[in-house]
Amino acid sequence: MTIDTDSEPFPETDDEAIKEKLIELMPLNHMVMDLWDWDIHFEEITFDDDLIEVVTGPEDYAIEQAKLLAEDFLRWIDEYGMDYDQENWPEGEFEDWIEEGCIAFIKDWRLRVSKKYKGK
């Protein structure tokens, strides 16, 4: 899915306005959103200038960015002492679960954007 950000529904030329619209469409039912509870706005840290491309650009790029988000997520878990019972997971499985969750989040987010603006 690629959305043309130069036409409707993005008549704005201001990237910040486009980012705000995209952030409003984040799926809130994913564990990635736990980061907001810790006041970690991953969309500003991990994606920052790439947010529009992550959500509207090529899927392979979005998946690469989801994997970077997973790396950041794991770092923040350690940094902030978040408890996901990670010590009781078999080796490597917790990290895989975080990565899968980040990929699912990005895919769902892209789908929400696509559904919202498909045909407009």
C-alpha atoms as a PDB file:
ATOM      1  CA  MET A   1       0.000   0.000   0.000  1.00  0.00           C
ATOM      2  CA  THR A   2       1.302   3.385  -0.922  1.00  0.00           C
ATOM      3  CA  ILE A   3      -0.728   6.502  -0.266  1.00  0.00           C
ATOM      4  CA  ASP A   4      -0.072   9.649  -2.232  1.00  0.00           C
ATOM      5  CA  THR A   5       0.569  12.195   0.490  1.00  0.00           C
ATOM      6  CA  ASP A   6       0.497  15.013  -2.052  1.00  0.00           C
ATOM      7  CA  SER A   7      -3.240  14.652  -2.680  1.00  0.00           C
ATOM      8  CA  GLU A   8      -6.394  14.111  -0.651  1.00  0.00           C
ATOM      9  CA  PRO A   9      -6.653  13.086   2.173  1.00  0.00           C
ATOM     10  CA  PHE A  10      -3.406  14.953   2.722  1.00  0.00           C
ATOM     11  CA  PRO A  11      -3.933  18.339   1.128  1.00  0.00           C
ATOM     12  CA  GLU A  12      -1.565  19.850   3.679  1.00  0.00           C
ATOM     13  CA  THR A  13       1.978  20.443   2.591  1.00  0.00           C
ATOM     14  CA  ASP A  14       3.038  20.469   6.235  1.00  0.00           C
ATOM     15  CA  ASP A  15       4.499  17.106   7.208  1.00  0.00           C
ATOM     16  CA  GLU A  16       3.574  17.735  10.860  1.00  0.00           C
ATOM     17  CA  ALA A  17      -0.123  17.974   9.957  1.00  0.00           C
ATOM     18  CA  ILE A  18       0.097  14.732   7.994  1.00  0.00           C
ATOM     19  CA  LYS A  19       1.901  13.034  10.905  1.00  0.00           C
ATOM     20  CA  GLU A  20      -0.862  14.137  13.293  1.00  0.00           C
ATOM     21  CA  LYS A  21      -3.501  12.547  11.046  1.00  0.00           C
ATOM     22  CA  LEU A  22      -1.518   9.334  10.865  1.00  0.00           C
ATOM     23  CA  ILE A  23      -0.894   9.198  14.625  1.00  0.00           C
ATOM     24  CA  GLU A  24      -4.641   9.536  15.223  1.00  0.00           C
ATOM     25  CA  LEU A  25      -5.074   6.288  13.281  1.00  0.00           C
ATOM     26  CA  MET A  26      -2.679   4.227  15.409  1.00  0.00           C
ATOM     27  CA  PRO A  27      -4.310   1.001  16.585  1.00  0.00           C
ATOM     28  CA  LEU A  28      -4.523   1.400  20.344  1.00  0.00           C
ATOM     29  CA  ASN A  29      -5.040  -2.300  21.135  1.00  0.00           C
ATOM     30  CA  HIS A  30      -1.396  -3.309  20.624  1.00  0.00           C
ATOM     31  CA  MET A  31       1.264  -3.791  23.269  1.00  0.00           C
ATOM     32  CA  VAL A  32       3.366  -1.182  21.457  1.00  0.00           C
ATOM     33  CA  MET A  33       0.988   1.408  22.864  1.00  0.00           C
ATOM     34  CA  ASP A  34       2.166   0.418  26.364  1.00  0.00           C
ATOM     35  CA  LEU A  35       5.088   2.700  25.606  1.00  0.00           C
ATOM     36  CA  TRP A  36       2.829   5.725  25.809  1.00  0.00           C
ATOM     37  CA  ASP A  37       2.015   4.711  29.409  1.00  0.00           C
ATOM     38  CA  TRP A  38       5.719   5.237  30.100  1.00  0.00           C
ATOM     39  CA  ASP A  39       5.635   8.563  28.240  1.00  0.00           C
ATOM     40  CA  ILE A  40       7.757   7.048  25.473  1.00  0.00           C
ATOM     41  CA  HIS A  41       6.546   8.439  22.181  1.00  0.00           C
ATOM     42  CA  PHE A  42       8.186   5.942  19.869  1.00  0.00           C
ATOM     43  CA  GLU A  43       6.649   7.674  16.860  1.00  0.00           C
ATOM     44  CA  GLU A  44       8.867  10.674  17.593  1.00  0.00           C
ATOM     45  CA  ILE A  45      11.946   8.668  18.554  1.00  0.00           C
ATOM     46  CA  THR A  46      12.117   5.595  16.359  1.00  0.00           C
ATOM     47  CA  PHE A  47      10.378   6.984  13.290  1.00  0.00           C
ATOM     48  CA  ASP A  48      10.623  10.776  13.591  1.00  0.00           C
ATOM     49  CA  ASP A  49      11.260  11.976  10.033  1.00  0.00           C
ATOM     50  CA  ASP A  50      10.320   8.581   8.551  1.00  0.00           C
ATOM     51  CA  LEU A  51       6.840   8.294  10.091  1.00  0.00           C
ATOM     52  CA  ILE A  52       4.982   9.168   6.891  1.00  0.00           C
ATOM     53  CA  GLU A  53       7.065   6.709   4.887  1.00  0.00           C
ATOM     54  CA  VAL A  54       6.576   3.956   7.500  1.00  0.00           C
ATOM     55  CA  VAL A  55       2.799   4.267   7.315  1.00  0.00           C
ATOM     56  CA  THR A  56       2.272   5.091   3.653  1.00  0.00           C
ATOM     57  CA  GLY A  57       5.358   3.832   1.842  1.00  0.00           C
ATOM     58  CA  PRO A  58       6.545   0.401   0.719  1.00  0.00           C
ATOM     59  CA  GLU A  59       5.688  -2.470   3.042  1.00  0.00           C
ATOM     60  CA  ASP A  60       9.214  -3.881   3.109  1.00  0.00           C
ATOM     61  CA  TYR A  61      10.496  -0.538   4.414  1.00  0.00           C
ATOM     62  CA  ALA A  62       7.731  -0.490   7.042  1.00  0.00           C
ATOM     63  CA  ILE A  63       8.699  -3.989   8.225  1.00  0.00           C
ATOM     64  CA  GLU A  64      12.346  -2.932   8.541  1.00  0.00           C
ATOM     65  CA  GLN A  65      11.226   0.027  10.650  1.00  0.00           C
ATOM     66  CA  ALA A  66       9.036  -2.264  12.778  1.00  0.00           C
ATOM     67  CA  LYS A  67      12.138  -4.324  13.539  1.00  0.00           C
ATOM     68  CA  LEU A  68      13.972  -1.152  14.579  1.00  0.00           C
ATOM     69  CA  LEU A  69      11.012  -0.323  16.816  1.00  0.00           C
ATOM     70  CA  ALA A  70      11.350  -3.787  18.386  1.00  0.00           C
ATOM     71  CA  GLU A  71      15.031  -3.105  19.132  1.00  0.00           C
ATOM     72  CA  ASP A  72      14.107   0.209  20.742  1.00  0.00           C
ATOM     73  CA  PHE A  73      11.235  -1.417  22.641  1.00  0.00           C
ATOM     74  CA  LEU A  74      13.579  -4.037  24.108  1.00  0.00           C
ATOM     75  CA  ARG A  75      16.030  -1.309  25.111  1.00  0.00           C
ATOM     76  CA  TRP A  76      13.257   0.671  26.805  1.00  0.00           C
ATOM     77  CA  ILE A  77      12.054  -2.437  28.639  1.00  0.00           C
ATOM     78  CA  ASP A  78      15.524  -2.744  30.166  1.00  0.00           C
ATOM     79  CA  GLU A  79      15.986   0.980  30.690  1.00  0.00           C
ATOM     80  CA  TYR A  80      12.657   1.511  32.449  1.00  0.00           C
ATOM     81  CA  GLY A  81      12.395  -1.865  34.169  1.00  0.00           C
ATOM     82  CA  MET A  82       9.156  -2.802  32.434  1.00  0.00           C
ATOM     83  CA  ASP A  83       7.848  -6.167  33.549  1.00  0.00           C
ATOM     84  CA  TYR A  84       6.627  -8.450  30.792  1.00  0.00           C
ATOM     85  CA  ASP A  85       7.677 -11.542  32.733  1.00  0.00           C
ATOM     86  CA  GLN A  86      10.504 -11.750  30.216  1.00  0.00           C
ATOM     87  CA  GLU A  87      12.727 -13.782  32.551  1.00  0.00           C
ATOM     88  CA  ASN A  88      10.341 -16.736  32.279  1.00  0.00           C
ATOM     89  CA  TRP A  89      10.410 -16.949  28.488  1.00  0.00           C
ATOM     90  CA  PRO A  90      12.628 -19.498  26.734  1.00  0.00           C
ATOM     91  CA  GLU A  91      15.756 -17.885  25.291  1.00  0.00           C
ATOM     92  CA  GLY A  92      15.027 -15.686  22.309  1.00  0.00           C
ATOM     93  CA  GLU A  93      11.258 -16.146  22.388  1.00  0.00           C
ATOM     94  CA  PHE A  94      10.530 -12.925  24.259  1.00  0.00           C
ATOM     95  CA  GLU A  95      12.525 -10.924  21.729  1.00  0.00           C
ATOM     96  CA  ASP A  96      10.694 -12.697  18.898  1.00  0.00           C
ATOM     97  CA  TRP A  97       7.347 -11.886  20.546  1.00  0.00           C
ATOM     98  CA  ILE A  98       8.246  -8.206  20.797  1.00  0.00           C
ATOM     99  CA  GLU A  99       9.333  -8.119  17.145  1.00  0.00           C
ATOM    100  CA  GLU A 100       6.171  -9.913  16.006  1.00  0.00           C
ATOM    101  CA  GLY A 101       4.096  -7.467  18.052  1.00  0.00           C
ATOM    102  CA  CYS A 102       5.827  -4.474  16.484  1.00  0.00           C
ATOM    103  CA  ILE A 103       5.341  -5.872  12.977  1.00  0.00           C
ATOM    104  CA  ALA A 104       1.662  -6.571  13.686  1.00  0.00           C
ATOM    105  CA  PHE A 105       1.245  -3.032  15.024  1.00  0.00           C
ATOM    106  CA  ILE A 106       2.755  -1.481  11.888  1.00  0.00           C
ATOM    107  CA  LYS A 107       0.693  -3.706   9.587  1.00  0.00           C
ATOM    108  CA  ASP A 108      -2.517  -2.860  11.452  1.00  0.00           C
ATOM    109  CA  TRP A 109      -1.668   0.826  11.454  1.00  0.00           C
ATOM    110  CA  ARG A 110      -1.044   0.787   7.712  1.00  0.00           C
ATOM    111  CA  LEU A 111      -4.301  -1.093   7.182  1.00  0.00           C
ATOM    112  CA  ARG A 112      -6.247   1.481   9.221  1.00  0.00           C
ATOM    113  CA  VAL A 113      -4.750   4.296   7.162  1.00  0.00           C
ATOM    114  CA  SER A 114      -5.498   2.444   3.938  1.00  0.00           C
ATOM    115  CA  LYS A 115      -9.120   1.795   4.944  1.00  0.00           C
ATOM    116  CA  LYS A 116      -9.608   5.382   6.050  1.00  0.00           C
ATOM    117  CA  TYR A 117      -8.323   6.913   2.838  1.00  0.00           C
ATOM    118  CA  LYS A 118      -8.901   4.207   0.239  1.00  0.00           C
ATOM    119  CA  GLY A 119     -10.594   5.659  -2.781  1.00  0.00           C
ATOM    120  CA  LYS A 120     -10.366   9.258  -1.564  1.00  0.00           C
END
